Protein backbone atom coordinates (compact mmCIF):
# COMPACT_ATOMS: atom_id res chain seq x y z
CA UNK A 1 82.01 120.93 47.40
CA UNK A 2 83.06 120.02 43.83
CA UNK A 3 84.92 116.83 42.89
CA UNK A 4 88.31 118.58 42.89
CA UNK A 5 87.74 119.88 46.43
CA UNK A 6 86.71 116.44 47.70
CA UNK A 7 89.79 114.81 46.18
CA UNK A 8 92.03 117.45 47.73
CA UNK A 9 90.41 116.94 51.13
CA UNK A 10 90.90 113.17 50.93
CA UNK A 11 94.51 113.64 49.87
CA UNK A 12 95.25 115.93 52.82
CA UNK A 13 93.56 113.49 55.18
CA UNK A 14 95.69 110.67 53.82
CA UNK A 15 98.88 112.72 54.26
CA UNK A 16 97.96 113.50 57.88
CA UNK A 17 97.28 109.82 58.63
CA UNK A 18 100.58 108.75 57.06
CA UNK A 19 102.42 111.46 59.00
CA UNK A 20 100.88 110.28 62.28
CA UNK A 21 101.80 106.68 61.54
CA UNK A 22 105.36 107.63 60.56
CA UNK A 23 105.77 109.68 63.76
CA UNK A 24 104.85 106.65 65.88
CA UNK A 25 107.34 104.30 64.19
CA UNK A 26 110.88 104.36 65.60
CA UNK A 27 113.94 105.18 63.56
CA UNK A 28 115.67 102.01 62.31
CA UNK A 29 119.09 103.23 63.50
CA UNK A 30 118.07 103.73 67.17
CA UNK A 31 120.48 102.53 69.84
CA UNK A 32 118.69 99.81 71.79
CA UNK A 33 121.27 99.17 74.51
CA UNK A 34 122.38 101.44 77.35
CA UNK A 35 125.26 99.69 79.03
CA UNK A 36 123.94 96.23 79.92
CA UNK A 37 120.22 97.15 79.76
CA UNK A 38 118.11 96.67 76.63
CA UNK A 39 115.84 99.63 75.79
CA UNK A 40 112.96 98.23 73.66
CA UNK A 41 110.43 100.42 71.85
CA UNK A 42 108.16 102.21 72.91
CA UNK A 43 111.08 103.33 75.10
CA UNK A 44 114.12 105.02 73.62
CA UNK A 45 117.09 107.20 74.43
CA UNK A 46 116.96 109.80 71.65
CA UNK A 47 114.53 111.79 69.50
CA UNK A 48 112.61 109.60 67.06
CA UNK A 49 113.36 106.43 69.04
CA UNK A 50 110.59 106.52 71.66
CA UNK A 51 106.80 106.77 71.42
CA UNK A 52 106.37 109.98 73.43
CA UNK A 53 107.95 111.82 76.35
CA UNK A 54 107.04 109.41 79.22
CA UNK A 55 109.04 106.71 77.41
CA UNK A 56 112.27 108.69 77.17
CA UNK A 57 115.17 106.95 78.91
CA UNK A 58 118.28 109.00 79.70
CA UNK A 59 121.45 107.01 78.99
CA UNK A 60 124.14 108.47 81.23
CA UNK A 61 127.55 107.88 79.67
CA UNK A 62 129.48 109.27 82.62
CA UNK A 63 129.19 105.77 84.12
CA UNK A 64 131.22 102.82 82.86
CA UNK A 65 129.32 101.00 81.51
CA UNK A 66 126.60 103.62 80.81
CA UNK A 67 123.48 103.54 83.00
CA UNK A 68 119.83 104.18 81.96
CA UNK A 69 117.58 106.47 84.02
CA UNK A 70 113.84 107.22 84.06
CA UNK A 71 112.84 110.79 84.91
CA UNK A 72 116.59 111.62 84.94
CA UNK A 73 117.34 110.26 88.42
CA UNK A 74 115.66 106.82 88.76
CA UNK A 75 118.04 103.99 87.69
CA UNK A 76 116.47 101.49 85.27
CA UNK A 77 117.34 97.80 85.74
CA UNK A 78 115.04 96.07 83.22
CA UNK A 79 112.15 96.79 80.83
CA UNK A 80 109.55 94.12 80.01
CA UNK A 81 107.37 94.66 76.93
CA UNK A 82 105.17 91.52 77.36
CA UNK A 83 104.39 92.36 81.02
CA UNK A 84 104.21 96.14 80.67
CA UNK A 85 106.68 96.48 83.54
CA UNK A 86 109.76 98.57 84.28
CA UNK A 87 112.16 97.57 87.06
CA UNK A 88 114.05 100.38 88.77
CA UNK A 89 116.33 100.83 91.80
CA UNK A 90 114.48 102.30 94.77
CA UNK A 91 116.03 103.92 97.83
CA UNK A 92 116.24 102.27 101.29
CA UNK A 93 115.55 104.52 104.30
CA UNK A 94 117.09 103.67 107.67
CA UNK A 95 117.49 104.73 111.28
CA UNK A 96 120.44 103.51 113.37
CA UNK A 97 121.64 104.01 116.93
CA UNK A 98 125.37 104.37 117.54
CA UNK A 99 126.14 104.71 121.27
CA UNK A 100 124.54 107.90 122.51
CA UNK A 101 123.95 109.17 118.97
CA UNK A 102 121.52 108.22 116.25
CA UNK A 103 122.25 108.12 112.54
CA UNK A 104 119.20 108.80 110.40
CA UNK A 105 118.29 108.65 106.74
CA UNK A 106 114.67 108.15 107.61
CA UNK A 107 112.81 109.39 104.54
CA UNK A 108 112.63 108.29 100.91
CA UNK A 109 110.78 110.19 98.19
CA UNK A 110 109.54 108.88 94.85
CA UNK A 111 107.78 111.17 92.38
CA UNK A 112 106.91 109.58 89.02
CA UNK A 113 105.71 111.71 86.13
CA UNK A 114 103.69 109.04 84.33
CA UNK A 115 103.99 105.41 85.45
CA UNK A 116 102.44 103.65 88.44
CA UNK A 117 104.01 101.58 91.21
CA UNK A 118 102.85 97.99 90.70
CA UNK A 119 100.45 97.02 93.46
CA UNK A 120 100.65 93.32 92.55
CA UNK A 121 104.47 93.08 92.52
CA UNK A 122 105.63 95.37 95.35
CA UNK A 123 105.21 95.56 99.12
CA UNK A 124 105.78 98.32 101.68
CA UNK A 125 108.37 96.77 104.01
CA UNK A 126 109.85 97.43 107.44
CA UNK A 127 112.82 95.49 108.83
CA UNK A 128 114.08 95.78 112.41
CA UNK A 129 112.96 95.68 116.03
CA UNK A 130 110.11 97.95 117.13
CA UNK A 131 110.14 100.07 113.97
CA UNK A 132 107.40 101.05 111.58
CA UNK A 133 107.37 102.13 107.96
CA UNK A 134 104.65 104.36 106.56
CA UNK A 135 104.06 106.11 103.26
CA UNK A 136 102.18 109.33 102.64
CA UNK A 137 100.53 109.06 99.24
CA UNK A 138 99.33 112.13 97.37
CA UNK A 139 98.43 111.56 93.73
CA UNK A 140 96.76 113.88 91.28
CA UNK A 141 93.01 113.60 91.69
CA UNK A 142 93.33 111.81 95.04
CA UNK A 143 93.31 113.02 98.61
CA UNK A 144 96.43 112.29 100.62
CA UNK A 145 96.42 109.24 102.88
CA UNK A 146 98.87 107.15 104.93
CA UNK A 147 99.46 103.40 105.13
CA UNK A 148 102.23 101.20 106.49
CA UNK A 149 103.21 98.38 108.86
CA UNK A 150 104.90 97.71 112.23
CA UNK A 151 107.80 95.29 112.88
CA UNK A 152 108.29 94.02 116.45
CA UNK A 153 110.79 91.72 118.22
CA UNK A 154 110.62 89.69 121.41
CA UNK A 155 113.46 89.52 123.92
CA UNK A 156 114.89 86.34 122.39
CA UNK A 157 114.72 87.76 118.85
CA UNK A 158 112.84 84.74 117.53
CA UNK A 159 112.43 85.65 113.86
CA UNK A 160 111.60 83.38 110.93
CA UNK A 161 113.69 83.75 107.81
CA UNK A 162 111.74 84.45 104.58
CA UNK A 163 108.73 85.53 106.65
CA UNK A 164 107.50 89.13 106.96
CA UNK A 165 104.57 88.50 109.29
CA UNK A 166 105.44 91.26 111.77
CA UNK A 167 108.28 89.72 113.81
CA UNK A 168 111.52 91.35 112.64
CA UNK A 169 109.94 92.15 109.28
CA UNK A 170 106.50 93.29 108.13
CA UNK A 171 104.93 93.98 104.75
CA UNK A 172 101.72 95.54 103.48
CA UNK A 173 100.19 96.26 100.07
CA UNK A 174 100.62 99.29 97.81
CA UNK A 175 97.53 101.45 97.15
CA UNK A 176 96.23 101.25 93.58
CA UNK A 177 97.45 103.86 91.11
CA UNK A 178 100.31 105.23 93.24
CA UNK A 179 102.76 107.47 91.39
CA UNK A 180 104.30 109.48 94.20
CA UNK A 181 104.92 109.04 97.89
CA UNK A 182 107.08 109.98 100.86
CA UNK A 183 108.23 106.98 102.90
CA UNK A 184 109.16 107.28 106.57
CA UNK A 185 110.85 104.78 108.89
CA UNK A 186 110.53 105.46 112.60
CA UNK A 187 111.23 103.82 115.96
CA UNK A 188 108.50 103.32 118.55
CA UNK A 189 110.87 104.94 121.07
CA UNK A 190 111.16 108.55 119.92
CA UNK A 191 113.51 107.71 117.05
CA UNK A 192 115.98 105.88 119.29
CA UNK A 193 116.24 102.14 119.03
CA UNK A 194 116.43 99.63 121.89
CA UNK A 195 119.90 98.46 123.01
CA UNK A 196 121.74 95.38 121.83
CA UNK A 197 123.44 94.65 118.55
CA UNK A 198 120.30 94.98 116.38
CA UNK A 199 120.16 98.76 116.43
CA UNK A 200 119.07 99.61 112.90
CA UNK A 201 115.62 99.79 111.36
CA UNK A 202 114.85 99.99 107.64
CA UNK A 203 111.96 100.99 105.42
CA UNK A 204 111.48 100.54 101.67
CA UNK A 205 109.11 99.49 98.91
CA UNK A 206 110.40 96.41 97.09
CA UNK A 207 109.52 93.83 94.48
CA UNK A 208 108.41 91.01 96.79
CA UNK A 209 109.74 88.38 94.37
CA UNK A 210 113.22 89.88 94.67
CA UNK A 211 113.38 90.23 98.47
CA UNK A 212 113.42 87.38 101.00
CA UNK A 213 113.86 88.46 104.60
CA UNK A 214 116.78 87.08 106.62
CA UNK A 215 117.86 87.79 110.18
CA UNK A 216 121.18 88.87 108.65
CA UNK A 217 119.33 91.85 107.15
CA UNK A 218 119.34 93.58 110.55
CA UNK A 219 123.01 94.35 109.85
CA UNK A 220 123.42 93.81 106.09
CA UNK A 221 120.78 96.30 104.95
CA UNK A 222 122.88 99.11 106.47
CA UNK A 223 125.21 98.77 103.48
CA UNK A 224 122.44 98.53 100.90
CA UNK A 225 121.41 101.78 99.23
CA UNK A 226 118.63 100.50 96.96
CA UNK A 227 116.21 97.63 96.33
CA UNK A 228 114.33 96.64 93.15
CA UNK A 229 110.94 98.24 92.51
CA UNK A 230 108.51 97.34 89.70
CA UNK A 231 106.55 100.02 87.84
CA UNK A 232 103.54 99.44 85.60
CA UNK A 233 103.53 101.35 82.31
CA UNK A 234 100.80 101.88 79.76
CA UNK A 235 100.11 103.83 76.57
CA UNK A 236 98.32 107.17 76.92
CA UNK A 237 95.12 107.63 78.92
CA UNK A 238 92.52 106.15 76.56
CA UNK A 239 90.88 102.76 76.84
CA UNK A 240 91.82 100.07 74.37
CA UNK A 241 88.44 100.43 72.63
CA UNK A 242 88.76 104.19 72.17
CA UNK A 243 92.41 104.00 71.07
CA UNK A 244 91.55 101.65 68.21
CA UNK A 245 89.32 104.31 66.65
CA UNK A 246 92.41 106.30 65.60
CA UNK A 247 94.67 103.98 63.61
CA UNK A 248 97.30 106.68 63.25
CA UNK A 249 97.98 106.97 66.97
CA UNK A 250 97.02 103.39 67.93
CA UNK A 251 100.20 101.91 69.41
CA UNK A 252 99.68 98.20 68.58
CA UNK A 253 101.35 98.31 65.16
CA UNK A 254 101.98 94.62 64.47
CA UNK A 255 99.28 92.92 62.42
CA UNK A 256 99.21 89.96 64.79
CA UNK A 257 98.72 91.95 67.99
CA UNK A 258 95.93 93.10 70.27
CA UNK A 259 95.38 95.63 73.05
CA UNK A 260 94.03 95.38 76.59
CA UNK A 261 93.28 97.95 79.27
CA UNK A 262 95.72 98.63 82.09
CA UNK A 263 94.37 97.62 85.51
CA UNK A 264 96.53 100.00 87.57
CA UNK A 265 96.28 103.22 85.57
CA UNK A 266 94.60 104.91 82.62
CA UNK A 267 95.74 103.70 79.20
CA UNK A 268 96.25 100.37 77.48
CA UNK A 269 98.98 97.87 76.55
CA UNK A 270 99.69 95.68 73.55
CA UNK A 271 100.57 92.00 73.23
CA UNK A 272 101.34 89.69 70.33
CA UNK A 273 98.49 87.39 69.32
CA UNK A 274 98.50 83.76 70.40
CA UNK A 275 101.13 81.83 68.46
CA UNK A 276 103.27 84.94 67.91
CA UNK A 277 106.02 86.59 69.91
CA UNK A 278 108.01 89.80 69.64
CA UNK A 279 107.31 93.48 70.10
CA UNK A 280 103.68 94.40 69.25
CA UNK A 281 104.55 98.13 69.19
CA UNK A 282 106.67 97.63 66.06
CA UNK A 283 105.08 97.34 62.57
CA UNK A 284 105.43 94.25 60.39
CA UNK A 285 108.76 94.07 58.61
CA UNK A 286 110.88 95.14 61.57
CA UNK A 287 113.01 92.36 63.01
CA UNK A 288 111.54 92.44 66.53
CA UNK A 289 107.86 92.75 65.54
CA UNK A 290 105.38 89.96 66.34
CA UNK A 291 106.42 86.82 64.46
CA UNK A 292 105.15 83.25 64.39
CA UNK A 293 106.82 80.90 66.87
């Protein structure tokens, strides 16, 4: 190849690299609030404002104030860039006995397209007398399996508030890498609950830091539709080491930033270097990028 051809090749390569970098930098006029929830990059609500499709947040303006949603129907409560976490509202399933009839909303389904349910922040939970909660997990590349816990009560209903050890409330851990599940809550007595005033049982997956069991929950949870759930998010499906080989697509844009591998899913995350704070996914010069403390 002659000198002219080599120069042209290098020029085209440079253009492609610049185009890739420009595509991964958000528009400066992006709206970063949806109602009361901040939407930091790499998330965004419109074209050119998010890194790629998994990070698209739908801002529904039919609510007042507007509400953000992940995957269209999962309400977003908070997004943490430093922790790589997304807090959403997750459905509560229940079974209740009313006289001779039973009222049931016994199943809850969650099907995430990209992110994982945090196994360090959340617990599978059952609340009630003689009820159990189980989840059927079926992720891509994994065989289906079931896990859960059983909540019992004695005749005197001796429960301990803020304790989910199996008396009135039980909890168990989330399997690693879970993105989708069907949750069931069932009674030990053919889906009818024992008599007395505590005739409801509940099942849900919840951020354990946000939920403290109380005996009042036997009745109060009946009026609660959702509980907080924490999701882990990460960039792509490459390791940190492999991602750094392509500077155009490498998501840690701030000079004073570094990457680390996700422990709950494929992909990596970014953080500001020690002594700096801000958003490591934004390049230097943008107001929220990593800056010295």
